[in-house]
Amino acid sequence: GVASAHATETHLAVRGLKFPPRDLKQALGQQLTMLGVTREALEGLDNIDTKRTGIFVGMGCDPAVARYGVRWRLEDWAARWGDMSEAELRAQQDAAVPCLESPGVLGTMPNVVANRLSSQFDCAAQGYTISAEELSGVRALEIGMRALRTRDVDAAVVGAVDISDETVHKQALSELGLERSSGDGAVVLVLERLEDAKAKGRAIYAVLDDAIA
């Protein structure tokens, strides 16, 4: 996993990447960070049947998406203000957020965080995001464990990501009168049933109690 007060950049190796780098340039930080961290978690793991591997990602919608609403509304606001030229309006819109194009649409859709992981790593079992505010990652872990217990999957890639050291998020906290420090972070766990992990000679870092799920 990775975590920091503010993640200024994300590094993704181009080799083996299944998505155009120019498209990923317009993706939100959740997608890019999860791609990188999941790659790290799966690196070196063999004997994983990707057809029986599920992806479960806990996350919330990035507040930066609200900027697209600002872009669309600026034209109406400018008409009310009555003192902004067409060139100034376009400059203000571009300063708020770039014009929305197809890669940007995919780059801001919450479900695509899990979809791109499923595609990148050929995971053909269940795959989706779970949003439950600050418990999103815990809920993803519970669902992944349940899928293993019911044998719907043989491996579960469970992750959580939060890019909250962000202007819109911090302003929202301030408006609510909440003085809290924010940060960016992501974690990915690869889960298997204990007997399967032992049979494959895995390095086992923790054993999870069924009681939490």
Protein backbone atom coordinates (compact mmCIF):
# COMPACT_ATOMS: atom_id res chain seq x y z
CA GLY A 1 0.00 0.00 0.00
CA VAL A 2 0.97 3.64 -0.35
CA ALA A 3 -0.06 6.63 1.75
CA SER A 4 1.01 10.22 2.14
CA ALA A 5 -0.28 13.58 3.19
CA HIS A 6 -0.50 14.48 -0.49
CA ALA A 7 0.41 12.24 -3.41
CA THR A 8 1.89 14.60 -6.00
CA GLU A 9 2.47 11.95 -8.67
CA THR A 10 1.83 8.33 -9.57
CA HIS A 11 4.26 6.15 -11.51
CA LEU A 12 2.96 3.45 -13.87
CA ALA A 13 5.25 1.35 -16.01
CA VAL A 14 4.08 1.46 -19.63
CA ARG A 15 5.23 -2.09 -20.36
CA GLY A 16 2.25 -4.44 -20.29
CA LEU A 17 -0.25 -1.63 -19.73
CA LYS A 18 -3.53 -2.32 -21.55
CA PHE A 19 -4.76 1.27 -21.67
CA PRO A 20 -3.48 4.21 -23.74
CA PRO A 21 -1.30 6.47 -21.57
CA ARG A 22 -3.01 9.52 -23.12
CA ASP A 23 -6.36 8.19 -21.85
CA LEU A 24 -4.98 7.53 -18.39
CA LYS A 25 -3.71 11.11 -18.28
CA GLN A 26 -7.36 12.14 -17.88
CA ALA A 27 -8.12 9.53 -15.20
CA LEU A 28 -8.58 10.50 -11.58
CA GLY A 29 -5.97 9.58 -9.02
CA GLN A 30 -7.99 6.63 -7.68
CA GLN A 31 -7.68 4.72 -10.94
CA LEU A 32 -3.98 5.37 -11.47
CA THR A 33 -3.04 4.66 -7.87
CA MET A 34 -4.98 1.39 -7.75
CA LEU A 35 -3.42 0.22 -11.01
CA GLY A 36 0.04 0.77 -9.60
CA VAL A 37 -0.60 -0.71 -6.16
CA THR A 38 -2.43 -3.77 -7.54
CA ARG A 39 0.45 -4.44 -9.91
CA GLU A 40 2.79 -4.37 -6.94
CA ALA A 41 0.56 -6.71 -4.91
CA LEU A 42 0.26 -9.30 -7.70
CA GLU A 43 3.87 -9.14 -8.84
CA GLY A 44 5.58 -12.49 -8.46
CA LEU A 45 2.42 -14.40 -7.52
CA ASP A 46 1.99 -17.49 -9.69
CA ASN A 47 -0.64 -20.24 -9.83
CA ILE A 48 -3.49 -17.74 -9.66
CA ASP A 49 -6.46 -18.75 -11.78
CA THR A 50 -7.54 -15.33 -13.07
CA LYS A 51 -10.88 -16.76 -14.22
CA ARG A 52 -11.59 -17.46 -10.54
CA THR A 53 -10.20 -14.19 -9.19
CA GLY A 54 -12.45 -11.32 -8.09
CA ILE A 55 -11.73 -7.61 -7.71
CA PHE A 56 -13.31 -5.68 -4.83
CA VAL A 57 -12.39 -2.00 -4.37
CA GLY A 58 -13.67 0.28 -1.64
CA MET A 59 -13.76 3.97 -2.57
CA GLY A 60 -15.85 7.11 -2.65
CA CYS A 61 -16.60 9.43 -5.54
CA ASP A 62 -13.82 11.98 -5.97
CA PRO A 63 -15.06 15.48 -5.08
CA ALA A 64 -12.95 16.85 -7.94
CA VAL A 65 -15.70 15.62 -10.29
CA ALA A 66 -17.73 18.58 -9.02
CA ARG A 67 -15.48 20.82 -11.09
CA TYR A 68 -17.19 19.59 -14.27
CA GLY A 69 -20.41 21.06 -12.89
CA VAL A 70 -18.57 24.35 -12.36
CA ARG A 71 -17.43 24.32 -16.00
CA TRP A 72 -20.98 23.81 -17.26
CA ARG A 73 -22.46 26.46 -14.97
CA LEU A 74 -19.85 29.15 -15.62
CA GLU A 75 -21.57 30.20 -18.84
CA ASP A 76 -24.82 30.93 -16.97
CA TRP A 77 -22.93 32.71 -14.21
CA ALA A 78 -21.03 34.80 -16.75
CA ALA A 79 -24.32 35.87 -18.37
CA ARG A 80 -25.52 37.13 -15.00
CA TRP A 81 -22.26 38.94 -14.29
CA GLY A 82 -22.39 40.52 -17.74
CA ASP A 83 -18.75 41.59 -17.83
CA MET A 84 -16.91 38.55 -19.19
CA SER A 85 -15.83 38.12 -22.80
CA GLU A 86 -16.07 34.82 -24.65
CA ALA A 87 -12.29 34.37 -24.44
CA GLU A 88 -12.31 35.08 -20.69
CA LEU A 89 -15.15 32.62 -20.18
CA ARG A 90 -13.28 29.82 -22.00
CA ALA A 91 -10.14 30.59 -20.02
CA GLN A 92 -12.06 30.38 -16.73
CA GLN A 93 -13.69 27.10 -17.78
CA ASP A 94 -10.34 25.58 -18.73
CA ALA A 95 -8.85 26.78 -15.44
CA ALA A 96 -11.62 24.98 -13.52
CA VAL A 97 -11.31 21.67 -15.41
CA PRO A 98 -10.39 20.60 -18.97
CA CYS A 99 -13.15 20.03 -21.49
CA LEU A 100 -14.74 16.63 -20.85
CA GLU A 101 -13.80 14.05 -23.48
CA SER A 102 -14.34 10.28 -23.71
CA PRO A 103 -11.15 9.40 -21.77
CA GLY A 104 -12.19 11.87 -19.08
CA VAL A 105 -15.62 10.25 -18.78
CA LEU A 106 -14.05 6.84 -18.18
CA GLY A 107 -11.45 8.43 -15.96
CA THR A 108 -14.09 9.79 -13.56
CA MET A 109 -16.51 6.82 -13.39
CA PRO A 110 -16.22 5.09 -9.98
CA ASN A 111 -16.98 1.60 -11.34
CA VAL A 112 -14.12 1.85 -13.86
CA VAL A 113 -11.60 1.69 -11.01
CA ALA A 114 -12.50 -2.01 -10.59
CA ASN A 115 -13.25 -2.59 -14.29
CA ARG A 116 -9.80 -1.50 -15.39
CA LEU A 117 -8.18 -3.75 -12.80
CA SER A 118 -10.24 -6.72 -14.01
CA SER A 119 -9.21 -5.99 -17.59
CA GLN A 120 -5.54 -5.29 -16.84
CA PHE A 121 -5.05 -8.49 -14.85
CA ASP A 122 -7.55 -10.72 -16.74
CA CYS A 123 -9.65 -11.28 -13.63
CA ALA A 124 -12.89 -12.76 -14.93
CA ALA A 125 -14.84 -13.38 -11.71
CA GLN A 126 -16.78 -10.72 -9.80
CA GLY A 127 -15.41 -7.20 -9.97
CA TYR A 128 -16.86 -3.95 -8.70
CA THR A 129 -16.38 -0.97 -6.42
CA ILE A 130 -18.06 -0.54 -3.06
CA SER A 131 -18.89 2.90 -1.66
CA ALA A 132 -19.70 3.14 2.05
CA GLU A 133 -17.94 6.38 2.97
CA GLU A 134 -15.08 5.77 5.43
CA LEU A 135 -16.04 2.07 5.72
CA SER A 136 -15.72 1.39 1.99
CA GLY A 137 -12.48 -0.57 2.35
CA VAL A 138 -13.82 -2.62 5.27
CA ARG A 139 -16.97 -3.49 3.31
CA ALA A 140 -14.85 -4.52 0.30
CA LEU A 141 -12.84 -6.81 2.58
CA GLU A 142 -16.00 -8.36 4.01
CA ILE A 143 -17.42 -9.01 0.54
CA GLY A 144 -14.15 -10.49 -0.70
CA MET A 145 -14.00 -12.85 2.29
CA ARG A 146 -17.61 -13.87 1.76
CA ALA A 147 -16.92 -14.67 -1.90
CA LEU A 148 -14.01 -16.90 -0.85
CA ARG A 149 -16.05 -18.60 1.85
CA THR A 150 -18.90 -19.42 -0.56
CA ARG A 151 -16.34 -20.49 -3.19
CA ASP A 152 -17.60 -17.98 -5.73
CA VAL A 153 -13.91 -17.09 -6.20
CA ASP A 154 -10.59 -18.77 -5.42
CA ALA A 155 -8.72 -15.49 -4.95
CA ALA A 156 -9.89 -12.01 -4.03
CA VAL A 157 -7.96 -8.85 -4.80
CA VAL A 158 -9.29 -6.40 -2.21
CA GLY A 159 -8.31 -2.76 -2.24
CA ALA A 160 -9.20 0.64 -0.87
CA VAL A 161 -8.22 4.06 -2.13
CA ASP A 162 -8.87 7.57 -0.92
CA ILE A 163 -7.56 10.71 -2.60
CA SER A 164 -8.87 13.25 -0.11
CA ASP A 165 -6.04 15.77 0.21
CA GLU A 166 -7.84 17.78 -2.42
CA THR A 167 -9.13 21.36 -2.59
CA VAL A 168 -12.84 20.53 -2.97
CA HIS A 169 -12.74 17.92 -0.20
CA LYS A 170 -10.94 20.24 2.21
CA GLN A 171 -13.31 23.10 1.45
CA ALA A 172 -16.30 20.83 2.13
CA LEU A 173 -14.81 19.86 5.50
CA SER A 174 -14.26 23.51 6.31
CA GLU A 175 -17.86 24.41 5.42
CA LEU A 176 -19.02 21.66 7.80
CA GLY A 177 -16.83 23.09 10.54
CA LEU A 178 -14.63 19.99 10.62
CA GLU A 179 -10.96 20.72 11.12
CA ARG A 180 -9.28 17.49 10.07
CA SER A 181 -6.07 16.71 8.28
CA SER A 182 -6.59 14.83 5.03
CA GLY A 183 -4.32 12.53 3.06
CA ASP A 184 -4.04 10.28 0.03
CA GLY A 185 -3.65 6.53 0.35
CA ALA A 186 -4.24 3.12 -1.21
CA VAL A 187 -3.85 -0.48 -0.11
CA VAL A 188 -4.34 -3.81 -1.89
CA LEU A 189 -4.52 -7.29 -0.34
CA VAL A 190 -4.54 -10.60 -2.19
CA LEU A 191 -6.74 -13.07 -0.30
CA GLU A 192 -7.01 -16.84 -0.63
CA ARG A 193 -8.49 -19.55 1.54
CA LEU A 194 -5.87 -20.64 4.07
CA GLU A 195 -5.68 -24.24 2.84
CA ASP A 196 -5.19 -23.04 -0.75
CA ALA A 197 -2.46 -20.58 0.24
CA LYS A 198 -0.62 -23.29 2.16
CA ALA A 199 -0.93 -25.76 -0.72
CA LYS A 200 0.64 -23.23 -3.10
CA GLY A 201 3.45 -22.36 -0.71
CA ARG A 202 2.42 -18.73 -0.41
CA ALA A 203 4.03 -16.27 1.96
CA ILE A 204 1.18 -15.73 4.43
CA TYR A 205 1.28 -12.32 6.09
CA ALA A 206 -1.99 -12.55 8.04
CA VAL A 207 -4.89 -14.88 8.71
CA LEU A 208 -8.26 -13.12 8.79
CA ASP A 209 -10.94 -14.20 11.24
CA ASP A 210 -14.24 -15.13 9.60
CA ALA A 211 -15.98 -13.20 12.36
CA ILE A 212 -15.22 -9.86 10.68
CA ALA A 213 -17.28 -10.87 7.64
